[in-house]
C-alpha atoms as a PDB file:
ATOM      1  CA  MET A   1      46.083 101.634   4.732  1.00  0.00           C
ATOM      2  CA  GLN A   2      49.439 102.393   6.306  1.00  0.00           C
ATOM      3  CA  ALA A   3      50.258 100.784   9.643  1.00  0.00           C
ATOM      4  CA  THR A   4      52.296 102.551  12.280  1.00  0.00           C
ATOM      5  CA  ALA A   5      56.084 102.271  12.264  1.00  0.00           C
ATOM      6  CA  LEU A   6      56.143  99.369  14.719  1.00  0.00           C
ATOM      7  CA  GLU A   7      57.475  96.108  13.336  1.00  0.00           C
ATOM      8  CA  ASN A   8      55.915  92.669  13.746  1.00  0.00           C
ATOM      9  CA  GLY A   9      52.687  93.835  15.285  1.00  0.00           C
ATOM     10  CA  ILE A  10      49.010  93.499  14.578  1.00  0.00           C
ATOM     11  CA  PHE A  11      47.419  96.802  13.674  1.00  0.00           C
ATOM     12  CA  ILE A  12      43.955  98.335  13.385  1.00  0.00           C
ATOM     13  CA  SER A  13      42.861 100.968  10.886  1.00  0.00           C
ATOM     14  CA  ASP A  14      41.056 104.111  12.013  1.00  0.00           C
ATOM     15  CA  LYS A  15      37.839 102.913  10.371  1.00  0.00           C
ATOM     16  CA  ALA A  16      38.017  99.488  12.073  1.00  0.00           C
ATOM     17  CA  LEU A  17      38.786 101.141  15.412  1.00  0.00           C
ATOM     18  CA  GLU A  18      35.731 103.359  15.072  1.00  0.00           C
ATOM     19  CA  ARG A  19      33.525 100.336  14.242  1.00  0.00           C
ATOM     20  CA  VAL A  20      34.956  98.240  17.114  1.00  0.00           C
ATOM     21  CA  HIS A  21      34.194 101.040  19.581  1.00  0.00           C
ATOM     22  CA  ALA A  22      30.643 101.331  18.208  1.00  0.00           C
ATOM     23  CA  LEU A  23      30.048  97.569  18.483  1.00  0.00           C
ATOM     24  CA  LEU A  24      31.424  97.402  22.020  1.00  0.00           C
ATOM     25  CA  GLN A  25      29.114 100.243  23.021  1.00  0.00           C
ATOM     26  CA  GLU A  26      26.076  98.693  21.262  1.00  0.00           C
ATOM     27  CA  GLU A  27      26.698  95.387  23.052  1.00  0.00           C
ATOM     28  CA  GLY A  28      27.186  97.117  26.419  1.00  0.00           C
ATOM     29  CA  ARG A  29      30.738  95.841  26.857  1.00  0.00           C
ATOM     30  CA  GLY A  30      33.071  97.807  29.093  1.00  0.00           C
ATOM     31  CA  PRO A  31      36.625  99.062  28.600  1.00  0.00           C
ATOM     32  CA  GLU A  32      38.076  95.730  29.767  1.00  0.00           C
ATOM     33  CA  TYR A  33      37.099  94.162  26.422  1.00  0.00           C
ATOM     34  CA  PHE A  34      39.547  93.876  23.549  1.00  0.00           C
ATOM     35  CA  VAL A  35      39.730  92.395  20.056  1.00  0.00           C
ATOM     36  CA  ARG A  36      40.841  88.760  19.820  1.00  0.00           C
ATOM     37  CA  VAL A  37      41.961  87.628  16.366  1.00  0.00           C
ATOM     38  CA  SER A  38      43.087  84.172  15.337  1.00  0.00           C
ATOM     39  CA  VAL A  39      43.725  81.943  12.364  1.00  0.00           C
ATOM     40  CA  VAL A  40      41.873  78.637  12.054  1.00  0.00           C
ATOM     41  CA  SER A  41      41.964  75.843   9.494  1.00  0.00           C
ATOM     42  CA  GLY A  42      39.283  76.067   6.868  1.00  0.00           C
ATOM     43  CA  GLY A  43      37.988  78.071   3.977  1.00  0.00           C
ATOM     44  CA  CYS A  44      38.676  77.546   0.311  1.00  0.00           C
ATOM     45  CA  SER A  45      42.305  78.711   0.602  1.00  0.00           C
ATOM     46  CA  GLY A  46      43.164  76.631   3.684  1.00  0.00           C
ATOM     47  CA  LEU A  47      43.195  79.168   6.543  1.00  0.00           C
ATOM     48  CA  SER A  48      40.496  81.533   7.821  1.00  0.00           C
ATOM     49  CA  TYR A  49      40.447  84.540  10.103  1.00  0.00           C
ATOM     50  CA  LYS A  50      38.414  84.630  13.287  1.00  0.00           C
ATOM     51  CA  MET A  51      37.597  87.764  15.270  1.00  0.00           C
ATOM     52  CA  ASP A  52      35.819  88.093  18.628  1.00  0.00           C
ATOM     53  CA  PHE A  53      35.611  90.359  21.628  1.00  0.00           C
ATOM     54  CA  ASP A  54      37.128  89.015  24.849  1.00  0.00           C
ATOM     55  CA  ASN A  55      37.969  90.264  28.315  1.00  0.00           C
ATOM     56  CA  SER A  56      40.503  87.732  29.565  1.00  0.00           C
ATOM     57  CA  THR A  57      43.893  86.655  28.303  1.00  0.00           C
ATOM     58  CA  LYS A  58      45.580  83.266  28.466  1.00  0.00           C
ATOM     59  CA  PRO A  59      49.207  82.754  29.550  1.00  0.00           C
ATOM     60  CA  THR A  60      50.409  82.061  25.986  1.00  0.00           C
ATOM     61  CA  ASP A  61      48.519  84.946  24.327  1.00  0.00           C
ATOM     62  CA  GLN A  62      50.447  87.525  22.367  1.00  0.00           C
ATOM     63  CA  VAL A  63      49.237  91.046  23.190  1.00  0.00           C
ATOM     64  CA  PHE A  64      49.593  94.069  20.908  1.00  0.00           C
ATOM     65  CA  GLU A  65      48.233  97.586  21.121  1.00  0.00           C
ATOM     66  CA  ASP A  66      47.572 100.004  18.298  1.00  0.00           C
ATOM     67  CA  LYS A  67      45.791 103.365  18.531  1.00  0.00           C
ATOM     68  CA  GLY A  68      44.842 102.548  22.126  1.00  0.00           C
ATOM     69  CA  MET A  69      43.096  99.274  21.191  1.00  0.00           C
ATOM     70  CA  LYS A  70      44.368  96.039  22.677  1.00  0.00           C
ATOM     71  CA  ILE A  71      44.596  93.261  20.069  1.00  0.00           C
ATOM     72  CA  VAL A  72      45.265  89.731  21.308  1.00  0.00           C
ATOM     73  CA  THR A  73      46.061  86.522  19.454  1.00  0.00           C
ATOM     74  CA  ASP A  74      47.165  83.031  20.372  1.00  0.00           C
ATOM     75  CA  PHE A  75      50.777  81.901  20.030  1.00  0.00           C
ATOM     76  CA  LYS A  76      50.154  79.833  16.876  1.00  0.00           C
ATOM     77  CA  SER A  77      48.157  82.505  15.025  1.00  0.00           C
ATOM     78  CA  VAL A  78      50.685  85.273  15.580  1.00  0.00           C
ATOM     79  CA  LEU A  79      53.014  83.584  13.071  1.00  0.00           C
ATOM     80  CA  TYR A  80      50.420  84.205  10.326  1.00  0.00           C
ATOM     81  CA  LEU A  81      49.394  87.672  11.506  1.00  0.00           C
ATOM     82  CA  PHE A  82      52.648  89.632  11.871  1.00  0.00           C
ATOM     83  CA  ASN A  83      52.199  93.090  10.309  1.00  0.00           C
ATOM     84  CA  THR A  84      48.535  92.443   9.514  1.00  0.00           C
ATOM     85  CA  THR A  85      46.036  95.294   9.741  1.00  0.00           C
ATOM     86  CA  LEU A  86      42.419  94.790  10.760  1.00  0.00           C
ATOM     87  CA  ASP A  87      40.345  97.048   8.522  1.00  0.00           C
ATOM     88  CA  TYR A  88      36.656  97.811   8.062  1.00  0.00           C
ATOM     89  CA  SER A  89      34.767  98.618   4.891  1.00  0.00           C
ATOM     90  CA  ASP A  90      31.250  99.956   4.558  1.00  0.00           C
ATOM     91  CA  GLY A  91      31.340 100.493   0.817  1.00  0.00           C
ATOM     92  CA  LEU A  92      29.282  99.087  -2.026  1.00  0.00           C
ATOM     93  CA  ASN A  93      31.719  96.211  -2.575  1.00  0.00           C
ATOM     94  CA  GLY A  94      30.955  94.712   0.807  1.00  0.00           C
ATOM     95  CA  LYS A  95      30.519  95.701   4.397  1.00  0.00           C
ATOM     96  CA  GLY A  96      32.494  94.284   7.264  1.00  0.00           C
ATOM     97  CA  PHE A  97      35.868  93.638   8.806  1.00  0.00           C
ATOM     98  CA  HIS A  98      38.697  92.285   6.712  1.00  0.00           C
ATOM     99  CA  PHE A  99      42.394  91.660   7.180  1.00  0.00           C
ATOM    100  CA  ILE A 100      45.193  93.238   5.158  1.00  0.00           C
ATOM    101  CA  ASN A 101      47.797  90.520   5.540  1.00  0.00           C
ATOM    102  CA  PRO A 102      51.188  90.892   3.816  1.00  0.00           C
ATOM    103  CA  ASN A 103      51.985  87.257   4.730  1.00  0.00           C
ATOM    104  CA  ALA A 104      49.165  85.827   2.598  1.00  0.00           C
ATOM    105  CA  SER A 105      50.419  84.446  -0.688  1.00  0.00           C
ATOM    106  CA  ARG A 106      46.888  83.715  -1.926  1.00  0.00           C
ATOM    107  CA  THR A 107      43.383  84.703  -0.847  1.00  0.00           C
ATOM    108  CA  CYS A 108      40.018  83.432  -1.973  1.00  0.00           C
ATOM    109  CA  ALA A 109      37.638  85.620  -3.952  1.00  0.00           C
ATOM    110  CA  CYS A 110      35.555  86.532  -0.903  1.00  0.00           C
ATOM    111  CA  GLY A 111      38.645  87.430   1.152  1.00  0.00           C
ATOM    112  CA  GLU A 112      37.626  85.231   4.075  1.00  0.00           C
ATOM    113  CA  SER A 113      40.439  82.706   3.720  1.00  0.00           C
ATOM    114  CA  PHE A 114      44.099  82.686   2.715  1.00  0.00           C
ATOM    115  CA  SER A 115      47.221  80.606   2.387  1.00  0.00           C
ATOM    116  CA  VAL A 116      50.881  81.347   3.051  1.00  0.00           C
END
């Protein structure tokens, strides 16, 4: 999955964008909602990804936009997420969102956690 030419952003693949729009519609959330991603301690590799929908930003949030989708993260998490792409898979090997993170030096087998 190739991200756009922007540097130091957080990106979303076409497939993830399509799924996010579908979920927002299914849940009856309006256009003011965006994707909030963060990194939290935990998981077998030390750090885990967290993804939610939100409709309000905090003063220290870092805001990115890719393909018309607003992607927001907290100040601490952005250090781990530069140039990361949120992707979605619906294949036989697993269904769901996952992160393509060039900063991760190691990931666990399930792909839910990482270390740098």
